[in-house]
């Protein structure tokens, strides 16, 4: 019987090559999108899931409460918290702190490389499941003489020699012995590092700054039992409250494996993050697969009358309904299987390009049982979806009715086809409108006035001797053409990290807990960054402004200062006078509200250098800066970036999302167009005689085309009326994740509706016009 079904399926495929090809290509295109999204989503879900006892690992976060009940969740905690947890929380098995090293210069012999890593407690490699390839990591927290490095860094420094026991120079300050080599962290880990240095080194360098007010250290705990998480958290908060004088601070524990996808917080709890993109693209995958399946179902309903007699004959000769259902499901599953094979070939060939687009290293493991089961599930589900109509509808009719007249099938099929076309086009409308909104938001971000000018600004970090010789470097640099301004600060305005609640001002409410972002700058910073001064003045060397402050508009509003200039405030225990107010600017991504800023002046403090240059002289400016830099700091390489590039990096997720949304939307349009092309071709073929008779009776080509396309136009209008409100609602939810976002303009949705209408017209008119200009004699010669 199976052999017979396969033979019938093959004959049907060959008899109607065009429609079969459209079905296969449409399904293959839908499956390509689905497979790419599946691989991407699976990679996202797999982050940090490989750690042994992963369900016991939690990250401790700090919730900082403001006066008005607003809560800021900080992913780093005070350094002393870890020791406090060890001593007072028996539910915790192990505690580990980390602190980013920034760029570190490693030297061995004549080789030197810049890499990044962490200062970490001695239990780091026992806590996390990173593979040790050679040696044994430092287990003694008091030992600050050894270092663990990645396989990649070991190969760079030592080639194929054994790295264990060899001494490397770190930032020209430390000589550390390589005690262990670990396998590169890989893409499955959100923690990316090439070295682990003893945490005690950082603690020693930090000195008195290592205190309960220093929220700089990610802290992780491993519980004895994850069911004890609530008890452990209660004891963490109780013991920290006793040890710390910081008001309005509480702690929250989040499963570490959840953090990567859920890193946005509201009211002290996770409310989203990258998970929203996972959900969006999972929905997109379903939409596209459904659109592709609707193509198949539309063609099946269009051909219902031609298959109805076959069904009737089979029933007459004794075929049970179950065998008919199996036949149609088998045919659609075979087409689904062929489409899946084509999709797999295409995905395999295009995966390297896709990895570049999404900045990942995704691989297809054909031996992975989860992947194979997922693939088989997609094939079966697609076959069931696509073959459901002919399988269950056609097989339900009495053979006598079918063999006498199939017109009632055509009427029913026509109604179903209209419904499917509307549903398919509505999904396409949602995808197109969503893509336009996402690109509108990306364009909004790129053109948003940040309150400072990020264009034509080169920035780099100072190290070593140059921090003491900055004034000489600055003087020499300004002597070169193309270099307009040079300044220094302890933070880049793209993302200001310093935050503290120690600012005091007249009339400050008791127990107030307001956090300000602080930037330490030199005298030329305002002009270099093109900040707007609203009141008073900026720092000036002639005034010896070492005990003065400049604040932002938002800071003045929070302090409720009607005349802020001249007001005395205290920052970090340092009293001083406000001498100026600058216009608010964005010191974080546009996901967040504008923060209050306090500027302090210290011409010898701040490791970050900013150089404003003439845009048309970029190459000589970089060359001259590198030359000067080497004169003042021969120990460290000259590594730089541009402020606008740093800003763009904040929105890598949005750019990837936009690119993916555009690509998948184009595929959805193509798939919908293919289905409409097949449907229009079949309709024109079925009405060939009617068209010929109308031509003989004097109907014009334009009149016939208009008559045949009006139904499709109505369907596209109905689809737009359904799809646009749904897209509006979905995009409104997406944009709520931004404190500053584009408006949902009605023109975007009108453009979407016009796009869908044009696609329908172009596709249908092409097929109908071809039928309308054909010689009527060819269609009527046998009548």
Foldseek 3Di string as FASTA:
>chain_A
DVVVLVVVLVVVCVVCVLLLVLLLQLLLLLVLLLVLLVLVLVLLLLAPVPWDLLLQKKWKWKWFAFPVRWTDIGQFFFPCLQVLLVVFFPQFDHKKKKFKPPWKWKDDDPAIDTWIAIAMALCVCVRGPWAWPDADGDNDLVDQAAKEFEPVVCCRHPNPDDQAQDWMQIQVPHTHGYGTYTYAPASSYPHGGGMYGRNVVVVVVCPPVRDRQNRGMIMMTGGPDSVCQVVSQVRSQVSVVVVDPAFRMGMDIDSPSCCSFFVDDTSRHTDTHVVVVSVVSNVLSVLSLLLSLLLLQLVCLLCLLVCLLVLLVCVVVPDALVVLLVSLLVSLLVSLVSSLVVSVVVCQVCVVVLCVLLVHDGDDDPPDPVVVVVSVVSSNVSSCSNRVCCSPPSSVDHSVVSVVDCVVSNVVSVVVSLVSLLSLLLSLLLLLLLLVQLVQFVVCQLPPDQQWDQPQKKKDFAGDQCLVVVVVLQVVLCVDAFWDHKWFKADDLLAQDAKGQPKFFPPDDPSGGAIAGEMEIAQCVCVLRVWAWDDFDGDDVVVVQQAEKEKEPVQCVVVVPPDQAQTWMADPNGIHGYGTYTYFGASYGQLDDTGIYMYGYDRSDGGMMMIRGDPVCVVVSVVVSQVSSCVRPVPDHTDMDGSSVVNVVNCSVSSSSSVSSVVSSVSSLVSSLSSLLVSLLSVLVVCLLVLLVVVVVPDDLVRQLCVSLPSVLVSLVSSLVNNVVVSVVSVVVVCNSGNDGDDSDVVSSVVSSVVSNVSNSVSNSVNSSVSNPDNSCVVPVVD
